[in-house]
Amino acid sequence: MVAIERPENKAKSELYDEIVKTSVEYGIHPDTALSIAMCESSLRQYDSNGNSLRGIENSNDVGVFQINEKYHLEKSRELGYNINTVEGNVGYAMWLMKKEGTKHWNYSKPCWSPKLAKL
């Protein structure tokens, strides 16, 4: 069961669906994944020009889960994930959460952790 409401915006609702589907496949609670994605990117993979969304404070962070290329690009490619696509970014993020928990998103934890506590 997902407590976070599905957005009405078409692009965000499709991304929401992908996160829910993939998180369930990896055994990650969808609300955890959705809360992190909302805080990291406001549920966006691409910027207004159609390019992969880049971090404001760190341009190495990319996509809906703001996967850092410096630390994760090589491993994501090795595993077959293209973090510049919705499927690859979400898939690699779920792989990371399954393997190492939410520690890679500790910087944004003050944003997403209180949301989860209210659910």
PDB file of N, CA and C in Angstrom:
ATOM      1  N   MET A   1       0.843  -1.185   0.000  1.00  0.00           N
ATOM      2  CA  MET A   1       0.000   0.000   0.000  1.00  0.00           C
ATOM      3  C   MET A   1       0.884   1.244   0.000  1.00  0.00           C
ATOM      4  N   VAL A   2       0.514   2.231  -0.814  1.00  0.00           N
ATOM      5  CA  VAL A   2       1.263   3.464  -0.935  1.00  0.00           C
ATOM      6  C   VAL A   2       0.453   4.598  -0.311  1.00  0.00           C
ATOM      7  N   ALA A   3       1.053   5.294   0.633  1.00  0.00           N
ATOM      8  CA  ALA A   3       0.355   6.387   1.315  1.00  0.00           C
ATOM      9  C   ALA A   3       0.538   7.723   0.592  1.00  0.00           C
ATOM     10  N   ILE A   4       1.602   7.838  -0.187  1.00  0.00           N
ATOM     11  CA  ILE A   4       1.864   9.095  -0.898  1.00  0.00           C
ATOM     12  C   ILE A   4       0.982   9.147  -2.143  1.00  0.00           C
ATOM     13  N   GLU A   5       0.273  10.253  -2.297  1.00  0.00           N
ATOM     14  CA  GLU A   5      -0.659  10.391  -3.413  1.00  0.00           C
ATOM     15  C   GLU A   5       0.048  10.489  -4.753  1.00  0.00           C
ATOM     16  N   ARG A   6      -0.588   9.900  -5.754  1.00  0.00           N
ATOM     17  CA  ARG A   6      -0.079   9.946  -7.130  1.00  0.00           C
ATOM     18  C   ARG A   6      -0.332  11.343  -7.692  1.00  0.00           C
ATOM     19  N   PRO A   7       0.692  11.978  -8.281  1.00  0.00           N
ATOM     20  CA  PRO A   7       0.507  13.318  -8.851  1.00  0.00           C
ATOM     21  C   PRO A   7      -0.428  13.293 -10.055  1.00  0.00           C
ATOM     22  N   GLU A   8      -1.062  14.427 -10.308  1.00  0.00           N
ATOM     23  CA  GLU A   8      -1.946  14.539 -11.468  1.00  0.00           C
ATOM     24  C   GLU A   8      -1.164  14.827 -12.749  1.00  0.00           C
ATOM     25  N   ASN A   9      -0.028  15.501 -12.634  1.00  0.00           N
ATOM     26  CA  ASN A   9       0.828  15.795 -13.782  1.00  0.00           C
ATOM     27  C   ASN A   9       1.234  14.486 -14.461  1.00  0.00           C
ATOM     28  N   LYS A  10       1.055  14.405 -15.790  1.00  0.00           N
ATOM     29  CA  LYS A  10       1.294  13.154 -16.523  1.00  0.00           C
ATOM     30  C   LYS A  10       2.719  12.641 -16.371  1.00  0.00           C
ATOM     31  N   ALA A  11       3.705  13.493 -16.589  1.00  0.00           N
ATOM     32  CA  ALA A  11       5.103  13.051 -16.496  1.00  0.00           C
ATOM     33  C   ALA A  11       5.436  12.577 -15.084  1.00  0.00           C
ATOM     34  N   LYS A  12       4.976  13.325 -14.087  1.00  0.00           N
ATOM     35  CA  LYS A  12       5.257  12.941 -12.702  1.00  0.00           C
ATOM     36  C   LYS A  12       4.497  11.684 -12.303  1.00  0.00           C
ATOM     37  N   SER A  13       3.276  11.511 -12.818  1.00  0.00           N
ATOM     38  CA  SER A  13       2.505  10.313 -12.476  1.00  0.00           C
ATOM     39  C   SER A  13       3.143   9.068 -13.103  1.00  0.00           C
ATOM     40  N   GLU A  14       3.703   9.208 -14.304  1.00  0.00           N
ATOM     41  CA  GLU A  14       4.393   8.075 -14.938  1.00  0.00           C
ATOM     42  C   GLU A  14       5.657   7.721 -14.150  1.00  0.00           C
ATOM     43  N   LEU A  15       6.374   8.726 -13.708  1.00  0.00           N
ATOM     44  CA  LEU A  15       7.571   8.502 -12.898  1.00  0.00           C
ATOM     45  C   LEU A  15       7.188   7.874 -11.555  1.00  0.00           C
ATOM     46  N   TYR A  16       6.136   8.369 -10.957  1.00  0.00           N
ATOM     47  CA  TYR A  16       5.594   7.804  -9.709  1.00  0.00           C
ATOM     48  C   TYR A  16       5.326   6.308  -9.892  1.00  0.00           C
ATOM     49  N   ASP A  17       4.637   5.956 -10.985  1.00  0.00           N
ATOM     50  CA  ASP A  17       4.308   4.555 -11.258  1.00  0.00           C
ATOM     51  C   ASP A  17       5.571   3.707 -11.407  1.00  0.00           C
ATOM     52  N   GLU A  18       6.569   4.236 -12.084  1.00  0.00           N
ATOM     53  CA  GLU A  18       7.835   3.511 -12.278  1.00  0.00           C
ATOM     54  C   GLU A  18       8.533   3.279 -10.934  1.00  0.00           C
ATOM     55  N   ILE A  19       8.526   4.287 -10.086  1.00  0.00           N
ATOM     56  CA  ILE A  19       9.164   4.156  -8.769  1.00  0.00           C
ATOM     57  C   ILE A  19       8.423   3.124  -7.922  1.00  0.00           C
ATOM     58  N   VAL A  20       7.097   3.173  -7.920  1.00  0.00           N
ATOM     59  CA  VAL A  20       6.319   2.204  -7.150  1.00  0.00           C
ATOM     60  C   VAL A  20       6.601   0.790  -7.654  1.00  0.00           C
ATOM     61  N   LYS A  21       6.511   0.589  -8.958  1.00  0.00           N
ATOM     62  CA  LYS A  21       6.715  -0.741  -9.552  1.00  0.00           C
ATOM     63  C   LYS A  21       8.116  -1.275  -9.226  1.00  0.00           C
ATOM     64  N   THR A  22       9.126  -0.455  -9.442  1.00  0.00           N
ATOM     65  CA  THR A  22      10.503  -0.915  -9.263  1.00  0.00           C
ATOM     66  C   THR A  22      10.845  -1.101  -7.788  1.00  0.00           C
ATOM     67  N   SER A  23      10.351  -0.224  -6.932  1.00  0.00           N
ATOM     68  CA  SER A  23      10.631  -0.370  -5.501  1.00  0.00           C
ATOM     69  C   SER A  23      10.040  -1.679  -4.973  1.00  0.00           C
ATOM     70  N   VAL A  24       8.839  -2.010  -5.408  1.00  0.00           N
ATOM     71  CA  VAL A  24       8.201  -3.266  -4.980  1.00  0.00           C
ATOM     72  C   VAL A  24       9.029  -4.457  -5.463  1.00  0.00           C
ATOM     73  N   GLU A  25       9.504  -4.392  -6.703  1.00  0.00           N
ATOM     74  CA  GLU A  25      10.335  -5.474  -7.248  1.00  0.00           C
ATOM     75  C   GLU A  25      11.591  -5.696  -6.404  1.00  0.00           C
ATOM     76  N   TYR A  26      12.149  -4.628  -5.859  1.00  0.00           N
ATOM     77  CA  TYR A  26      13.383  -4.715  -5.072  1.00  0.00           C
ATOM     78  C   TYR A  26      13.124  -4.883  -3.573  1.00  0.00           C
ATOM     79  N   GLY A  27      11.863  -4.905  -3.168  1.00  0.00           N
ATOM     80  CA  GLY A  27      11.543  -5.066  -1.760  1.00  0.00           C
ATOM     81  C   GLY A  27      11.755  -3.801  -0.941  1.00  0.00           C
ATOM     82  N   ILE A  28      11.700  -2.650  -1.595  1.00  0.00           N
ATOM     83  CA  ILE A  28      11.818  -1.350  -0.936  1.00  0.00           C
ATOM     84  C   ILE A  28      10.406  -0.790  -0.782  1.00  0.00           C
ATOM     85  N   HIS A  29      10.103  -0.222   0.380  1.00  0.00           N
ATOM     86  CA  HIS A  29       8.759   0.341   0.547  1.00  0.00           C
ATOM     87  C   HIS A  29       8.603   1.535  -0.402  1.00  0.00           C
ATOM     88  N   PRO A  30       7.540   1.560  -1.208  1.00  0.00           N
ATOM     89  CA  PRO A  30       7.355   2.644  -2.173  1.00  0.00           C
ATOM     90  C   PRO A  30       7.350   4.041  -1.544  1.00  0.00           C
ATOM     91  N   ASP A  31       6.800   4.175  -0.340  1.00  0.00           N
ATOM     92  CA  ASP A  31       6.776   5.500   0.291  1.00  0.00           C
ATOM     93  C   ASP A  31       8.178   6.013   0.584  1.00  0.00           C
ATOM     94  N   THR A  32       9.091   5.124   0.931  1.00  0.00           N
ATOM     95  CA  THR A  32      10.484   5.524   1.161  1.00  0.00           C
ATOM     96  C   THR A  32      11.087   6.046  -0.136  1.00  0.00           C
ATOM     97  N   ALA A  33      10.949   5.258  -1.194  1.00  0.00           N
ATOM     98  CA  ALA A  33      11.512   5.646  -2.489  1.00  0.00           C
ATOM     99  C   ALA A  33      10.879   6.929  -3.013  1.00  0.00           C
ATOM    100  N   LEU A  34       9.576   7.038  -2.918  1.00  0.00           N
ATOM    101  CA  LEU A  34       8.876   8.234  -3.402  1.00  0.00           C
ATOM    102  C   LEU A  34       9.262   9.473  -2.603  1.00  0.00           C
ATOM    103  N   SER A  35       9.364   9.339  -1.289  1.00  0.00           N
ATOM    104  CA  SER A  35       9.738  10.482  -0.452  1.00  0.00           C
ATOM    105  C   SER A  35      11.121  10.994  -0.815  1.00  0.00           C
ATOM    106  N   ILE A  36      12.059  10.079  -1.016  1.00  0.00           N
ATOM    107  CA  ILE A  36      13.414  10.481  -1.392  1.00  0.00           C
ATOM    108  C   ILE A  36      13.404  11.146  -2.763  1.00  0.00           C
ATOM    109  N   ALA A  37      12.708  10.553  -3.720  1.00  0.00           N
ATOM    110  CA  ALA A  37      12.658  11.121  -5.073  1.00  0.00           C
ATOM    111  C   ALA A  37      12.022  12.511  -5.079  1.00  0.00           C
ATOM    112  N   MET A  38      10.991  12.700  -4.276  1.00  0.00           N
ATOM    113  CA  MET A  38      10.340  14.014  -4.212  1.00  0.00           C
ATOM    114  C   MET A  38      11.306  15.064  -3.654  1.00  0.00           C
ATOM    115  N   CYS A  39      12.063  14.685  -2.652  1.00  0.00           N
ATOM    116  CA  CYS A  39      13.005  15.641  -2.058  1.00  0.00           C
ATOM    117  C   CYS A  39      14.202  15.890  -2.964  1.00  0.00           C
ATOM    118  N   GLU A  40      14.670  14.870  -3.630  1.00  0.00           N
ATOM    119  CA  GLU A  40      15.853  15.009  -4.474  1.00  0.00           C
ATOM    120  C   GLU A  40      15.581  15.784  -5.765  1.00  0.00           C
ATOM    121  N   SER A  41      14.407  15.563  -6.367  1.00  0.00           N
ATOM    122  CA  SER A  41      14.190  16.113  -7.711  1.00  0.00           C
ATOM    123  C   SER A  41      12.781  16.631  -7.970  1.00  0.00           C
ATOM    124  N   SER A  42      11.929  16.631  -6.968  1.00  0.00           N
ATOM    125  CA  SER A  42      10.509  16.955  -7.171  1.00  0.00           C
ATOM    126  C   SER A  42       9.889  16.043  -8.226  1.00  0.00           C
ATOM    127  N   LEU A  43      10.306  14.785  -8.214  1.00  0.00           N
ATOM    128  CA  LEU A  43       9.842  13.766  -9.173  1.00  0.00           C
ATOM    129  C   LEU A  43      10.104  14.177 -10.616  1.00  0.00           C
ATOM    130  N   ARG A  44      11.347  14.526 -10.900  1.00  0.00           N
ATOM    131  CA  ARG A  44      11.729  14.885 -12.271  1.00  0.00           C
ATOM    132  C   ARG A  44      13.018  14.162 -12.643  1.00  0.00           C
ATOM    133  N   GLN A  45      13.051  13.601 -13.819  1.00  0.00           N
ATOM    134  CA  GLN A  45      14.271  13.003 -14.366  1.00  0.00           C
ATOM    135  C   GLN A  45      14.962  13.987 -15.297  1.00  0.00           C
ATOM    136  N   TYR A  46      14.174  14.847 -15.936  1.00  0.00           N
ATOM    137  CA  TYR A  46      14.704  15.748 -16.957  1.00  0.00           C
ATOM    138  C   TYR A  46      14.414  17.203 -16.612  1.00  0.00           C
ATOM    139  N   ASP A  47      15.285  18.081 -17.095  1.00  0.00           N
ATOM    140  CA  ASP A  47      15.055  19.515 -16.904  1.00  0.00           C
ATOM    141  C   ASP A  47      14.117  20.027 -17.997  1.00  0.00           C
ATOM    142  N   SER A  48      13.859  21.309 -18.010  1.00  0.00           N
ATOM    143  CA  SER A  48      12.911  21.894 -18.968  1.00  0.00           C
ATOM    144  C   SER A  48      13.385  21.805 -20.414  1.00  0.00           C
ATOM    145  N   ASN A  49      14.677  21.535 -20.625  1.00  0.00           N
ATOM    146  CA  ASN A  49      15.224  21.385 -21.975  1.00  0.00           C
ATOM    147  C   ASN A  49      15.290  19.926 -22.419  1.00  0.00           C
ATOM    148  N   GLY A  50      14.829  19.010 -21.565  1.00  0.00           N
ATOM    149  CA  GLY A  50      14.850  17.594 -21.912  1.00  0.00           C
ATOM    150  C   GLY A  50      16.151  16.889 -21.576  1.00  0.00           C
ATOM    151  N   ASN A  51      17.053  17.582 -20.898  1.00  0.00           N
ATOM    152  CA  ASN A  51      18.313  16.978 -20.474  1.00  0.00           C
ATOM    153  C   ASN A  51      18.141  16.347 -19.097  1.00  0.00           C
ATOM    154  N   SER A  52      18.992  15.387 -18.776  1.00  0.00           N
ATOM    155  CA  SER A  52      18.945  14.803 -17.436  1.00  0.00           C
ATOM    156  C   SER A  52      19.101  15.902 -16.404  1.00  0.00           C
ATOM    157  N   LEU A  53      18.239  15.879 -15.422  1.00  0.00           N
ATOM    158  CA  LEU A  53      18.263  16.863 -14.347  1.00  0.00           C
ATOM    159  C   LEU A  53      19.590  16.756 -13.599  1.00  0.00           C
ATOM    160  N   ARG A  54      20.225  17.897 -13.380  1.00  0.00           N
ATOM    161  CA  ARG A  54      21.502  17.948 -12.655  1.00  0.00           C
ATOM    162  C   ARG A  54      21.295  18.620 -11.315  1.00  0.00           C
ATOM    163  N   GLY A  55      22.109  18.231 -10.355  1.00  0.00           N
ATOM    164  CA  GLY A  55      22.027  18.814  -9.035  1.00  0.00           C
ATOM    165  C   GLY A  55      22.383  20.283  -9.029  1.00  0.00           C
ATOM    166  N   ILE A  56      21.730  21.033  -8.169  1.00  0.00           N
ATOM    167  CA  ILE A  56      22.007  22.464  -8.030  1.00  0.00           C
ATOM    168  C   ILE A  56      23.329  22.665  -7.306  1.00  0.00           C
ATOM    169  N   GLU A  57      23.543  21.918  -6.241  1.00  0.00           N
ATOM    170  CA  GLU A  57      24.768  22.066  -5.457  1.00  0.00           C
ATOM    171  C   GLU A  57      25.904  21.193  -5.962  1.00  0.00           C
ATOM    172  N   ASN A  58      25.585  20.130  -6.682  1.00  0.00           N
ATOM    173  CA  ASN A  58      26.613  19.243  -7.219  1.00  0.00           C
ATOM    174  C   ASN A  58      26.161  18.770  -8.593  1.00  0.00           C
ATOM    175  N   SER A  59      26.809  19.257  -9.625  1.00  0.00           N
ATOM    176  CA  SER A  59      26.393  18.931 -10.991  1.00  0.00           C
ATOM    177  C   SER A  59      26.687  17.480 -11.373  1.00  0.00           C
ATOM    178  N   ASN A  60      27.369  16.736 -10.505  1.00  0.00           N
ATOM    179  CA  ASN A  60      27.577  15.308 -10.741  1.00  0.00           C
ATOM    180  C   ASN A  60      26.352  14.483 -10.366  1.00  0.00           C
ATOM    181  N   ASP A  61      25.392  15.102  -9.667  1.00  0.00           N
ATOM    182  CA  ASP A  61      24.159  14.421  -9.290  1.00  0.00           C
ATOM    183  C   ASP A  61      23.189  14.484 -10.469  1.00  0.00           C
ATOM    184  N   VAL A  62      22.618  13.339 -10.812  1.00  0.00           N
ATOM    185  CA  VAL A  62      21.800  13.274 -12.016  1.00  0.00           C
ATOM    186  C   VAL A  62      20.482  12.536 -11.772  1.00  0.00           C
ATOM    187  N   GLY A  63      19.420  13.064 -12.377  1.00  0.00           N
ATOM    188  CA  GLY A  63      18.137  12.386 -12.443  1.00  0.00           C
ATOM    189  C   GLY A  63      17.278  12.449 -11.202  1.00  0.00           C
ATOM    190  N   VAL A  64      16.231  11.660 -11.240  1.00  0.00           N
ATOM    191  CA  VAL A  64      15.198  11.693 -10.205  1.00  0.00           C
ATOM    192  C   VAL A  64      15.755  11.384  -8.818  1.00  0.00           C
ATOM    193  N   PHE A  65      16.716  10.484  -8.723  1.00  0.00           N
ATOM    194  CA  PHE A  65      17.311  10.162  -7.427  1.00  0.00           C
ATOM    195  C   PHE A  65      18.655  10.850  -7.209  1.00  0.00           C
ATOM    196  N   GLN A  66      19.021  11.745  -8.123  1.00  0.00           N
ATOM    197  CA  GLN A  66      20.260  12.510  -8.004  1.00  0.00           C
ATOM    198  C   GLN A  66      21.445  11.583  -7.699  1.00  0.00           C
ATOM    199  N   ILE A  67      21.603  10.584  -8.554  1.00  0.00           N
ATOM    200  CA  ILE A  67      22.705   9.633  -8.451  1.00  0.00           C
ATOM    201  C   ILE A  67      23.995  10.356  -8.819  1.00  0.00           C
ATOM    202  N   ASN A  68      25.000  10.280  -7.962  1.00  0.00           N
ATOM    203  CA  ASN A  68      26.256  10.985  -8.187  1.00  0.00           C
ATOM    204  C   ASN A  68      27.141  10.185  -9.143  1.00  0.00           C
ATOM    205  N   GLU A  69      27.438  10.801 -10.297  1.00  0.00           N
ATOM    206  CA  GLU A  69      28.235  10.131 -11.324  1.00  0.00           C
ATOM    207  C   GLU A  69      29.653   9.823 -10.848  1.00  0.00           C
ATOM    208  N   LYS A  70      30.226  10.693 -10.055  1.00  0.00           N
ATOM    209  CA  LYS A  70      31.597  10.491  -9.584  1.00  0.00           C
ATOM    210  C   LYS A  70      31.725   9.159  -8.837  1.00  0.00           C
ATOM    211  N   TYR A  71      30.737   8.841  -8.030  1.00  0.00           N
ATOM    212  CA  TYR A  71      30.797   7.644  -7.200  1.00  0.00           C
ATOM    213  C   TYR A  71      30.059   6.446  -7.781  1.00  0.00           C
ATOM    214  N   HIS A  72      29.096   6.675  -8.675  1.00  0.00           N
ATOM    215  CA  HIS A  72      28.219   5.578  -9.082  1.00  0.00           C
ATOM    216  C   HIS A  72      28.133   5.297 -10.578  1.00  0.00           C
ATOM    217  N   LEU A  73      28.698   6.138 -11.418  1.00  0.00           N
ATOM    218  CA  LEU A  73      28.538   5.933 -12.861  1.00  0.00           C
ATOM    219  C   LEU A  73      29.135   4.602 -13.310  1.00  0.00           C
ATOM    220  N   GLU A  74      30.353   4.325 -12.883  1.00  0.00           N
ATOM    221  CA  GLU A  74      31.013   3.087 -13.311  1.00  0.00           C
ATOM    222  C   GLU A  74      30.220   1.851 -12.864  1.00  0.00           C
ATOM    223  N   LYS A  75      29.807   1.818 -11.602  1.00  0.00           N
ATOM    224  CA  LYS A  75      29.065   0.665 -11.084  1.00  0.00           C
ATOM    225  C   LYS A  75      27.700   0.545 -11.761  1.00  0.00           C
ATOM    226  N   SER A  76      27.032   1.684 -11.970  1.00  0.00           N
ATOM    227  CA  SER A  76      25.722   1.620 -12.624  1.00  0.00           C
ATOM    228  C   SER A  76      25.851   1.048 -14.030  1.00  0.00           C
ATOM    229  N   ARG A  77      26.872   1.460 -14.748  1.00  0.00           N
ATOM    230  CA  ARG A  77      27.093   0.928 -16.101  1.00  0.00           C
ATOM    231  C   ARG A  77      27.429  -0.560 -16.058  1.00  0.00           C
ATOM    232  N   GLU A  78      28.279  -0.934 -15.109  1.00  0.00           N
ATOM    233  CA  GLU A  78      28.660  -2.339 -14.940  1.00  0.00           C
ATOM    234  C   GLU A  78      27.431  -3.221 -14.728  1.00  0.00           C
ATOM    235  N   LEU A  79      26.440  -2.698 -14.010  1.00  0.00           N
ATOM    236  CA  LEU A  79      25.207  -3.437 -13.727  1.00  0.00           C
ATOM    237  C   LEU A  79      24.163  -3.302 -14.826  1.00  0.00           C
ATOM    238  N   GLY A  80      24.446  -2.466 -15.831  1.00  0.00           N
ATOM    239  CA  GLY A  80      23.526  -2.306 -16.955  1.00  0.00           C
ATOM    240  C   GLY A  80      22.488  -1.216 -16.792  1.00  0.00           C
ATOM    241  N   TYR A  81      22.710  -0.295 -15.865  1.00  0.00           N
ATOM    242  CA  TYR A  81      21.786   0.823 -15.655  1.00  0.00           C
ATOM    243  C   TYR A  81      22.315   2.087 -16.306  1.00  0.00           C
ATOM    244  N   ASN A  82      21.472   2.749 -17.087  1.00  0.00           N
ATOM    245  CA  ASN A  82      21.795   4.062 -17.637  1.00  0.00           C
ATOM    246  C   ASN A  82      21.089   5.092 -16.758  1.00  0.00           C
ATOM    247  N   ILE A  83      21.830   5.728 -15.865  1.00  0.00           N
ATOM    248  CA  ILE A  83      21.213   6.630 -14.891  1.00  0.00           C
ATOM    249  C   ILE A  83      20.684   7.915 -15.509  1.00  0.00           C
ATOM    250  N   ASN A  84      20.900   8.094 -16.811  1.00  0.00           N
ATOM    251  CA  ASN A  84      20.347   9.249 -17.518  1.00  0.00           C
ATOM    252  C   ASN A  84      18.956   8.966 -18.072  1.00  0.00           C
ATOM    253  N   THR A  85      18.441   7.768 -17.823  1.00  0.00           N
ATOM    254  CA  THR A  85      17.070   7.421 -18.208  1.00  0.00           C
ATOM    255  C   THR A  85      16.260   7.193 -16.937  1.00  0.00           C
ATOM    256  N   VAL A  86      14.946   7.299 -17.054  1.00  0.00           N
ATOM    257  CA  VAL A  86      14.067   7.053 -15.915  1.00  0.00           C
ATOM    258  C   VAL A  86      14.283   5.644 -15.374  1.00  0.00           C
ATOM    259  N   GLU A  87      14.205   4.662 -16.251  1.00  0.00           N
ATOM    260  CA  GLU A  87      14.315   3.267 -15.829  1.00  0.00           C
ATOM    261  C   GLU A  87      15.666   2.987 -15.181  1.00  0.00           C
ATOM    262  N   GLY A  88      16.731   3.503 -15.767  1.00  0.00           N
ATOM    263  CA  GLY A  88      18.072   3.266 -15.234  1.00  0.00           C
ATOM    264  C   GLY A  88      18.319   3.978 -13.919  1.00  0.00           C
ATOM    265  N   ASN A  89      17.836   5.209 -13.798  1.00  0.00           N
ATOM    266  CA  ASN A  89      18.032   5.972 -12.570  1.00  0.00           C
ATOM    267  C   ASN A  89      17.250   5.338 -11.424  1.00  0.00           C
ATOM    268  N   VAL A  90      16.000   5.013 -11.683  1.00  0.00           N
ATOM    269  CA  VAL A  90      15.164   4.388 -10.653  1.00  0.00           C
ATOM    270  C   VAL A  90      15.703   2.998 -10.316  1.00  0.00           C
ATOM    271  N   GLY A  91      16.040   2.228 -11.329  1.00  0.00           N
ATOM    272  CA  GLY A  91      16.545   0.871 -11.097  1.00  0.00           C
ATOM    273  C   GLY A  91      17.823   0.862 -10.280  1.00  0.00           C
ATOM    274  N   TYR A  92      18.765   1.740 -10.628  1.00  0.00           N
ATOM    275  CA  TYR A  92      20.018   1.775  -9.879  1.00  0.00           C
ATOM    276  C   TYR A  92      19.781   2.276  -8.458  1.00  0.00           C
ATOM    277  N   ALA A  93      18.906   3.252  -8.287  1.00  0.00           N
ATOM    278  CA  ALA A  93      18.594   3.750  -6.942  1.00  0.00           C
ATOM    279  C   ALA A  93      18.004   2.629  -6.087  1.00  0.00           C
ATOM    280  N   MET A  94      17.117   1.827  -6.658  1.00  0.00           N
ATOM    281  CA  MET A  94      16.522   0.730  -5.888  1.00  0.00           C
ATOM    282  C   MET A  94      17.564  -0.335  -5.575  1.00  0.00           C
ATOM    283  N   TRP A  95      18.468  -0.596  -6.512  1.00  0.00           N
ATOM    284  CA  TRP A  95      19.557  -1.531  -6.267  1.00  0.00           C
ATOM    285  C   TRP A  95      20.410  -1.034  -5.099  1.00  0.00           C
ATOM    286  N   LEU A  96      20.737   0.280  -5.119  1.00  0.00           N
ATOM    287  CA  LEU A  96      21.529   0.866  -4.024  1.00  0.00           C
ATOM    288  C   LEU A  96      20.796   0.760  -2.690  1.00  0.00           C
ATOM    289  N   MET A  97      19.506   1.093  -2.673  1.00  0.00           N
ATOM    290  CA  MET A  97      18.740   1.018  -1.425  1.00  0.00           C
ATOM    291  C   MET A  97      18.670  -0.413  -0.910  1.00  0.00           C
ATOM    292  N   LYS A  98      18.486  -1.366  -1.801  1.00  0.00           N
ATOM    293  CA  LYS A  98      18.419  -2.772  -1.404  1.00  0.00           C
ATOM    294  C   LYS A  98      19.754  -3.207  -0.800  1.00  0.00           C
ATOM    295  N   LYS A  99      20.843  -2.767  -1.407  1.00  0.00           N
ATOM    296  CA  LYS A  99      22.183  -3.191  -0.991  1.00  0.00           C
ATOM    297  C   LYS A  99      22.686  -2.423   0.230  1.00  0.00           C
ATOM    298  N   GLU A 100      22.435  -1.099   0.276  1.00  0.00           N
ATOM    299  CA  GLU A 100      23.079  -0.257   1.289  1.00  0.00           C
ATOM    300  C   GLU A 100      22.122   0.639   2.065  1.00  0.00           C
ATOM    301  N   GLY A 101      20.833   0.470   1.882  1.00  0.00           N
ATOM    302  CA  GLY A 101      19.874   1.302   2.593  1.00  0.00           C
ATOM    303  C   GLY A 101      19.810   2.708   2.005  1.00  0.00           C
ATOM    304  N   THR A 102      19.424   3.658   2.817  1.00  0.00           N
ATOM    305  CA  THR A 102      19.198   5.029   2.336  1.00  0.00           C
ATOM    306  C   THR A 102      20.390   5.960   2.579  1.00  0.00           C
ATOM    307  N   LYS A 103      21.534   5.421   2.966  1.00  0.00           N
ATOM    308  CA  LYS A 103      22.671   6.270   3.341  1.00  0.00           C
ATOM    309  C   LYS A 103      23.147   7.201   2.219  1.00  0.00           C
ATOM    310  N   HIS A 104      22.926   6.837   0.986  1.00  0.00           N
ATOM    311  CA  HIS A 104      23.368   7.687  -0.126  1.00  0.00           C
ATOM    312  C   HIS A 104      22.512   8.949  -0.259  1.00  0.00           C
ATOM    313  N   TRP A 105      21.413   9.003   0.457  1.00  0.00           N
ATOM    314  CA  TRP A 105      20.519  10.157   0.433  1.00  0.00           C
ATOM    315  C   TRP A 105      20.470  10.859   1.792  1.00  0.00           C
ATOM    316  N   ASN A 106      21.495  10.665   2.611  1.00  0.00           N
ATOM    317  CA  ASN A 106      21.539  11.296   3.939  1.00  0.00           C
ATOM    318  C   ASN A 106      21.521  12.817   3.863  1.00  0.00           C
ATOM    319  N   TYR A 107      22.098  13.388   2.808  1.00  0.00           N
ATOM    320  CA  TYR A 107      22.127  14.844   2.671  1.00  0.00           C
ATOM    321  C   TYR A 107      20.702  15.420   2.636  1.00  0.00           C
ATOM    322  N   SER A 108      19.783  14.692   1.998  1.00  0.00           N
ATOM    323  CA  SER A 108      18.397  15.179   1.899  1.00  0.00           C
ATOM    324  C   SER A 108      17.488  14.582   2.972  1.00  0.00           C
ATOM    325  N   LYS A 109      18.046  13.820   3.895  1.00  0.00           N
ATOM    326  CA  LYS A 109      17.241  13.162   4.932  1.00  0.00           C
ATOM    327  C   LYS A 109      16.375  14.130   5.740  1.00  0.00           C
ATOM    328  N   PRO A 110      16.851  15.342   6.050  1.00  0.00           N
ATOM    329  CA  PRO A 110      15.966  16.268   6.775  1.00  0.00           C
ATOM    330  C   PRO A 110      14.679  16.591   6.010  1.00  0.00           C
ATOM    331  N   CYS A 111      14.692  16.405   4.708  1.00  0.00           N
ATOM    332  CA  CYS A 111      13.498  16.632   3.892  1.00  0.00           C
ATOM    333  C   CYS A 111      12.585  15.412   3.900  1.00  0.00           C
ATOM    334  N   TRP A 112      13.134  14.221   3.622  1.00  0.00           N
ATOM    335  CA  TRP A 112      12.273  13.048   3.438  1.00  0.00           C
ATOM    336  C   TRP A 112      11.965  12.271   4.705  1.00  0.00           C
ATOM    337  N   SER A 113      12.817  12.282   5.668  1.00  0.00           N
ATOM    338  CA  SER A 113      12.599  11.504   6.882  1.00  0.00           C
ATOM    339  C   SER A 113      11.342  11.940   7.653  1.00  0.00           C
ATOM    340  N   PRO A 114      11.108  13.247   7.848  1.00  0.00           N
ATOM    341  CA  PRO A 114       9.876  13.656   8.537  1.00  0.00           C
ATOM    342  C   PRO A 114       8.609  13.258   7.802  1.00  0.00           C
ATOM    343  N   LYS A 115       8.663  13.219   6.479  1.00  0.00           N
ATOM    344  CA  LYS A 115       7.494  12.809   5.687  1.00  0.00           C
ATOM    345  C   LYS A 115       7.132  11.357   5.975  1.00  0.00           C
ATOM    346  N   LEU A 116       8.163  10.513   6.088  1.00  0.00           N
ATOM    347  CA  LEU A 116       7.921   9.108   6.365  1.00  0.00           C
ATOM    348  C   LEU A 116       7.390   8.895   7.773  1.00  0.00           C
ATOM    349  N   ALA A 117       7.870   9.705   8.695  1.00  0.00           N
ATOM    350  CA  ALA A 117       7.434   9.570  10.089  1.00  0.00           C
ATOM    351  C   ALA A 117       5.936   9.891  10.241  1.00  0.00           C
ATOM    352  N   LYS A 118       5.406  10.711   9.344  1.00  0.00           N
ATOM    353  CA  LYS A 118       3.993  11.093   9.402  1.00  0.00           C
ATOM    354  C   LYS A 118       3.067  10.061   8.766  1.00  0.00           C
ATOM    355  N   LEU A 119       3.642   9.140   8.004  1.00  0.00           N
ATOM    356  CA  LEU A 119       2.805   8.135   7.297  1.00  0.00           C
ATOM    357  C   LEU A 119       2.390   7.006   8.212  1.00  0.00           C
TER     358      LEU A 119
END
